[in-house]
Amino acid sequence: MFISNKISKSIVLTLFIFLTACSHSASTSESLASQENMLGVITKSQLLSHEAVFKAGYESYTVSQKDKLIISDWPSSLHIDIYFGTWCHDSEREVPKLLSILDNNLNVTSKLIALDLNKDDPQNLARSNNIKYTPTFVVYLGDKKIGRIIERPIVSLVDDITKIYVNSLKVDD
């Protein structure tokens, strides 16, 4: 009786370990599949529906009335490429803010490019734009790159983007 009870416990323990390993493997596969789907050019709705931290930051960020006035003056030829990692705490903080800011001028376009841990993406956009840190916001006026914000703004996203834009006008004068 004692031996068979010991064998029963061993079988139960072995089954438990096996099932736990299978479960972990399945959840790891699901999370890897999710990460693969979240690489490269994605939409704002994809990001916010798959990444709770980004959604929470987006919903909780409030753009001031002063900033709304400044943003409304940004030209429609302004475009921002947003290179980020869903795994990056700086991205979790800054990307939702920028998305909320851009909601205040729908003429300004943007592109979200999700990167892996090596800061690569399937289209090699990060490599061709020399992205070393996340997030990196590359600001364009028309087709011309006019500046970038790396990891965090110096003053604020609105002030830094506005300064990049205004300084680009001085160069063209």
C-alpha atoms as a PDB file:
ATOM      1  CA  MET A   1       0.000   0.000   0.000  1.00  0.00           C
ATOM      2  CA  PHE A   2       2.753   2.411   0.931  1.00  0.00           C
ATOM      3  CA  ILE A   3       4.622   1.798  -2.350  1.00  0.00           C
ATOM      4  CA  SER A   4       1.548   2.146  -4.553  1.00  0.00           C
ATOM      5  CA  ASN A   5       0.575   5.359  -2.751  1.00  0.00           C
ATOM      6  CA  LYS A   6       4.072   6.708  -3.398  1.00  0.00           C
ATOM      7  CA  ILE A   7       3.795   5.704  -7.082  1.00  0.00           C
ATOM      8  CA  SER A   8       0.382   7.375  -7.335  1.00  0.00           C
ATOM      9  CA  LYS A   9       1.797  10.592  -5.915  1.00  0.00           C
ATOM     10  CA  SER A  10       4.697  10.399  -8.370  1.00  0.00           C
ATOM     11  CA  ILE A  11       2.323   9.916 -11.295  1.00  0.00           C
ATOM     12  CA  VAL A  12       0.151  12.824 -10.181  1.00  0.00           C
ATOM     13  CA  LEU A  13       3.220  15.038  -9.712  1.00  0.00           C
ATOM     14  CA  THR A  14       4.582  14.041 -13.137  1.00  0.00           C
ATOM     15  CA  LEU A  15       1.232  14.771 -14.782  1.00  0.00           C
ATOM     16  CA  PHE A  16       1.047  18.130 -13.008  1.00  0.00           C
ATOM     17  CA  ILE A  17       4.528  19.103 -14.219  1.00  0.00           C
ATOM     18  CA  PHE A  18       3.734  17.938 -17.754  1.00  0.00           C
ATOM     19  CA  LEU A  19       0.454  19.861 -17.905  1.00  0.00           C
ATOM     20  CA  THR A  20       2.069  22.966 -16.449  1.00  0.00           C
ATOM     21  CA  ALA A  21       4.845  22.811 -19.041  1.00  0.00           C
ATOM     22  CA  CYS A  22       2.312  22.357 -21.862  1.00  0.00           C
ATOM     23  CA  SER A  23       0.251  25.260 -20.578  1.00  0.00           C
ATOM     24  CA  HIS A  24       3.321  27.493 -20.295  1.00  0.00           C
ATOM     25  CA  SER A  25       4.446  26.497 -23.779  1.00  0.00           C
ATOM     26  CA  ALA A  26       1.016  27.324 -25.221  1.00  0.00           C
ATOM     27  CA  SER A  27       0.862  30.721 -23.527  1.00  0.00           C
ATOM     28  CA  THR A  28       4.428  31.484 -24.617  1.00  0.00           C
ATOM     29  CA  SER A  29       3.512  30.566 -28.191  1.00  0.00           C
ATOM     30  CA  GLU A  30       0.450  32.804 -28.016  1.00  0.00           C
ATOM     31  CA  SER A  31       2.467  35.710 -26.658  1.00  0.00           C
ATOM     32  CA  LEU A  32       5.167  35.209 -29.323  1.00  0.00           C
ATOM     33  CA  ALA A  33       2.477  35.124 -32.007  1.00  0.00           C
ATOM     34  CA  SER A  34       1.004  38.314 -30.539  1.00  0.00           C
ATOM     35  CA  GLN A  35       4.433  39.987 -30.563  1.00  0.00           C
ATOM     36  CA  GLU A  36       5.007  38.931 -34.165  1.00  0.00           C
ATOM     37  CA  ASN A  37       1.668  40.479 -35.130  1.00  0.00           C
ATOM     38  CA  MET A  38       2.701  43.669 -33.363  1.00  0.00           C
ATOM     39  CA  LEU A  39       5.899  44.249 -35.349  1.00  0.00           C
ATOM     40  CA  GLY A  40       6.355  46.688 -38.171  1.00  0.00           C
ATOM     41  CA  VAL A  41       3.783  49.191 -39.312  1.00  0.00           C
ATOM     42  CA  ILE A  42       0.633  48.870 -37.201  1.00  0.00           C
ATOM     43  CA  THR A  43      -2.444  51.000 -36.616  1.00  0.00           C
ATOM     44  CA  LYS A  44      -3.355  52.965 -33.540  1.00  0.00           C
ATOM     45  CA  SER A  45      -6.385  50.722 -33.012  1.00  0.00           C
ATOM     46  CA  GLN A  46      -4.187  47.592 -33.185  1.00  0.00           C
ATOM     47  CA  LEU A  47      -1.841  49.007 -30.580  1.00  0.00           C
ATOM     48  CA  LEU A  48      -4.568  50.165 -28.217  1.00  0.00           C
ATOM     49  CA  SER A  49      -6.576  46.952 -28.513  1.00  0.00           C
ATOM     50  CA  HIS A  50      -3.571  44.650 -27.918  1.00  0.00           C
ATOM     51  CA  GLU A  51      -1.537  46.604 -25.364  1.00  0.00           C
ATOM     52  CA  ALA A  52      -3.392  47.528 -22.167  1.00  0.00           C
ATOM     53  CA  VAL A  53      -0.619  49.788 -20.846  1.00  0.00           C
ATOM     54  CA  PHE A  54      -0.676  51.894 -24.012  1.00  0.00           C
ATOM     55  CA  LYS A  55      -4.468  52.060 -23.951  1.00  0.00           C
ATOM     56  CA  ALA A  56      -4.516  53.156 -20.305  1.00  0.00           C
ATOM     57  CA  GLY A  57      -1.911  55.853 -20.989  1.00  0.00           C
ATOM     58  CA  TYR A  58      -3.798  57.055 -24.050  1.00  0.00           C
ATOM     59  CA  GLU A  59      -7.115  57.269 -22.213  1.00  0.00           C
ATOM     60  CA  SER A  60      -5.667  58.980 -19.145  1.00  0.00           C
ATOM     61  CA  TYR A  61      -3.597  61.668 -20.897  1.00  0.00           C
ATOM     62  CA  THR A  62      -5.235  65.070 -21.160  1.00  0.00           C
ATOM     63  CA  VAL A  63      -3.998  67.679 -23.609  1.00  0.00           C
ATOM     64  CA  SER A  64      -4.182  71.196 -22.177  1.00  0.00           C
ATOM     65  CA  GLN A  65      -6.208  73.915 -23.885  1.00  0.00           C
ATOM     66  CA  LYS A  66      -3.004  75.874 -24.519  1.00  0.00           C
ATOM     67  CA  ASP A  67      -1.445  72.850 -26.233  1.00  0.00           C
ATOM     68  CA  LYS A  68      -4.608  72.227 -28.267  1.00  0.00           C
ATOM     69  CA  LEU A  69      -4.276  75.730 -29.740  1.00  0.00           C
ATOM     70  CA  ILE A  70      -0.629  75.156 -30.602  1.00  0.00           C
ATOM     71  CA  ILE A  71      -1.355  71.724 -32.143  1.00  0.00           C
ATOM     72  CA  SER A  72      -4.177  73.148 -34.251  1.00  0.00           C
ATOM     73  CA  ASP A  73      -1.598  75.447 -35.906  1.00  0.00           C
ATOM     74  CA  TRP A  74       0.630  72.574 -37.002  1.00  0.00           C
ATOM     75  CA  PRO A  75       0.544  72.293 -40.812  1.00  0.00           C
ATOM     76  CA  SER A  76      -1.087  69.390 -42.628  1.00  0.00           C
ATOM     77  CA  SER A  77       2.277  68.623 -44.249  1.00  0.00           C
ATOM     78  CA  LEU A  78       3.645  67.610 -40.833  1.00  0.00           C
ATOM     79  CA  HIS A  79       4.155  63.859 -40.445  1.00  0.00           C
ATOM     80  CA  ILE A  80       5.635  61.830 -37.572  1.00  0.00           C
ATOM     81  CA  ASP A  81       7.056  58.310 -37.746  1.00  0.00           C
ATOM     82  CA  ILE A  82       6.742  56.726 -34.316  1.00  0.00           C
ATOM     83  CA  TYR A  83       9.336  54.003 -33.662  1.00  0.00           C
ATOM     84  CA  PHE A  84       8.638  52.192 -30.409  1.00  0.00           C
ATOM     85  CA  GLY A  85       8.690  48.913 -28.526  1.00  0.00           C
ATOM     86  CA  THR A  86       5.720  47.435 -26.710  1.00  0.00           C
ATOM     87  CA  TRP A  87       8.333  46.146 -24.242  1.00  0.00           C
ATOM     88  CA  CYS A  88       9.857  49.612 -23.632  1.00  0.00           C
ATOM     89  CA  HIS A  89       8.867  51.669 -20.573  1.00  0.00           C
ATOM     90  CA  ASP A  90       9.765  54.959 -22.304  1.00  0.00           C
ATOM     91  CA  SER A  91       7.492  53.963 -25.198  1.00  0.00           C
ATOM     92  CA  GLU A  92       4.714  53.063 -22.769  1.00  0.00           C
ATOM     93  CA  ARG A  93       4.977  56.576 -21.326  1.00  0.00           C
ATOM     94  CA  GLU A  94       5.500  58.716 -24.461  1.00  0.00           C
ATOM     95  CA  VAL A  95       3.646  56.994 -27.321  1.00  0.00           C
ATOM     96  CA  PRO A  96       0.165  57.216 -25.732  1.00  0.00           C
ATOM     97  CA  LYS A  97       0.773  60.921 -25.058  1.00  0.00           C
ATOM     98  CA  LEU A  98       1.763  61.547 -28.676  1.00  0.00           C
ATOM     99  CA  LEU A  99      -1.261  59.652 -29.979  1.00  0.00           C
ATOM    100  CA  SER A 100      -3.529  61.783 -27.760  1.00  0.00           C
ATOM    101  CA  ILE A 101      -1.789  64.928 -28.950  1.00  0.00           C
ATOM    102  CA  LEU A 102      -2.219  63.968 -32.607  1.00  0.00           C
ATOM    103  CA  ASP A 103      -5.961  63.486 -32.037  1.00  0.00           C
ATOM    104  CA  ASN A 104      -6.113  67.283 -31.820  1.00  0.00           C
ATOM    105  CA  ASN A 105      -4.999  67.846 -35.408  1.00  0.00           C
ATOM    106  CA  LEU A 106      -6.241  65.124 -37.725  1.00  0.00           C
ATOM    107  CA  ASN A 107      -4.398  66.761 -40.657  1.00  0.00           C
ATOM    108  CA  VAL A 108      -1.040  65.771 -39.153  1.00  0.00           C
ATOM    109  CA  THR A 109      -0.241  62.223 -40.220  1.00  0.00           C
ATOM    110  CA  SER A 110       1.716  59.573 -38.381  1.00  0.00           C
ATOM    111  CA  LYS A 111       2.949  56.037 -38.772  1.00  0.00           C
ATOM    112  CA  LEU A 112       3.430  53.600 -35.880  1.00  0.00           C
ATOM    113  CA  ILE A 113       6.370  51.217 -36.312  1.00  0.00           C
ATOM    114  CA  ALA A 114       6.618  48.548 -33.620  1.00  0.00           C
ATOM    115  CA  LEU A 115      10.125  47.179 -33.078  1.00  0.00           C
ATOM    116  CA  ASP A 116      11.460  44.003 -31.529  1.00  0.00           C
ATOM    117  CA  LEU A 117      14.052  43.917 -28.734  1.00  0.00           C
ATOM    118  CA  ASN A 118      16.835  44.375 -31.291  1.00  0.00           C
ATOM    119  CA  LYS A 119      15.060  47.487 -32.582  1.00  0.00           C
ATOM    120  CA  ASP A 120      14.291  45.817 -35.890  1.00  0.00           C
ATOM    121  CA  ASP A 121      11.075  45.568 -37.882  1.00  0.00           C
ATOM    122  CA  PRO A 122      10.039  43.389 -40.855  1.00  0.00           C
ATOM    123  CA  GLN A 123      10.227  46.296 -43.320  1.00  0.00           C
ATOM    124  CA  ASN A 124      13.705  47.407 -42.068  1.00  0.00           C
ATOM    125  CA  LEU A 125      12.381  50.941 -41.553  1.00  0.00           C
ATOM    126  CA  ALA A 126      14.223  51.324 -38.247  1.00  0.00           C
ATOM    127  CA  ARG A 127      17.514  50.271 -39.773  1.00  0.00           C
ATOM    128  CA  SER A 128      17.132  52.620 -42.755  1.00  0.00           C
ATOM    129  CA  ASN A 129      16.364  55.496 -40.360  1.00  0.00           C
ATOM    130  CA  ASN A 130      19.204  54.669 -37.953  1.00  0.00           C
ATOM    131  CA  ILE A 131      16.928  54.065 -34.959  1.00  0.00           C
ATOM    132  CA  LYS A 132      19.001  53.221 -31.872  1.00  0.00           C
ATOM    133  CA  TYR A 133      16.622  54.068 -29.012  1.00  0.00           C
ATOM    134  CA  THR A 134      12.914  53.746 -28.303  1.00  0.00           C
ATOM    135  CA  PRO A 135      10.802  55.596 -28.663  1.00  0.00           C
ATOM    136  CA  THR A 136      12.130  57.740 -31.478  1.00  0.00           C
ATOM    137  CA  PHE A 137       9.765  60.178 -33.165  1.00  0.00           C
ATOM    138  CA  VAL A 138      11.019  61.266 -36.589  1.00  0.00           C
ATOM    139  CA  VAL A 139       9.350  64.515 -37.650  1.00  0.00           C
ATOM    140  CA  TYR A 140       8.864  65.371 -41.326  1.00  0.00           C
ATOM    141  CA  LEU A 141       7.636  68.457 -43.104  1.00  0.00           C
ATOM    142  CA  GLY A 142       6.440  67.135 -46.423  1.00  0.00           C
ATOM    143  CA  ASP A 143       9.098  64.639 -47.501  1.00  0.00           C
ATOM    144  CA  LYS A 144      11.904  66.350 -45.580  1.00  0.00           C
ATOM    145  CA  LYS A 145      13.110  65.035 -42.210  1.00  0.00           C
ATOM    146  CA  ILE A 146      13.288  68.046 -39.942  1.00  0.00           C
ATOM    147  CA  GLY A 147      14.094  66.508 -36.570  1.00  0.00           C
ATOM    148  CA  ARG A 148      13.581  63.773 -34.048  1.00  0.00           C
ATOM    149  CA  ILE A 149      12.726  63.249 -30.429  1.00  0.00           C
ATOM    150  CA  ILE A 150      14.637  60.385 -28.844  1.00  0.00           C
ATOM    151  CA  GLU A 151      13.290  58.565 -25.762  1.00  0.00           C
ATOM    152  CA  ARG A 152      11.729  61.642 -24.148  1.00  0.00           C
ATOM    153  CA  PRO A 153      11.101  65.273 -25.021  1.00  0.00           C
ATOM    154  CA  ILE A 154      13.347  68.033 -23.717  1.00  0.00           C
ATOM    155  CA  VAL A 155      10.433  70.272 -22.633  1.00  0.00           C
ATOM    156  CA  SER A 156       7.230  68.500 -23.738  1.00  0.00           C
ATOM    157  CA  LEU A 157       6.114  66.688 -26.874  1.00  0.00           C
ATOM    158  CA  VAL A 158       4.058  69.657 -28.055  1.00  0.00           C
ATOM    159  CA  ASP A 159       6.822  72.188 -27.344  1.00  0.00           C
ATOM    160  CA  ASP A 160       9.557  70.023 -28.871  1.00  0.00           C
ATOM    161  CA  ILE A 161       7.597  69.217 -32.054  1.00  0.00           C
ATOM    162  CA  THR A 162       6.662  72.891 -32.418  1.00  0.00           C
ATOM    163  CA  LYS A 163      10.302  73.921 -31.956  1.00  0.00           C
ATOM    164  CA  ILE A 164      11.426  71.365 -34.570  1.00  0.00           C
ATOM    165  CA  TYR A 165       8.827  72.722 -36.994  1.00  0.00           C
ATOM    166  CA  VAL A 166       9.600  76.418 -36.353  1.00  0.00           C
ATOM    167  CA  ASN A 167      13.375  75.823 -36.612  1.00  0.00           C
ATOM    168  CA  SER A 168      12.889  74.073 -39.958  1.00  0.00           C
ATOM    169  CA  LEU A 169      11.191  77.217 -41.287  1.00  0.00           C
ATOM    170  CA  LYS A 170      14.161  79.372 -40.238  1.00  0.00           C
ATOM    171  CA  VAL A 171      16.537  77.119 -42.181  1.00  0.00           C
ATOM    172  CA  ASP A 172      14.412  77.463 -45.325  1.00  0.00           C
ATOM    173  CA  ASP A 173      14.335  81.285 -45.160  1.00  0.00           C
END
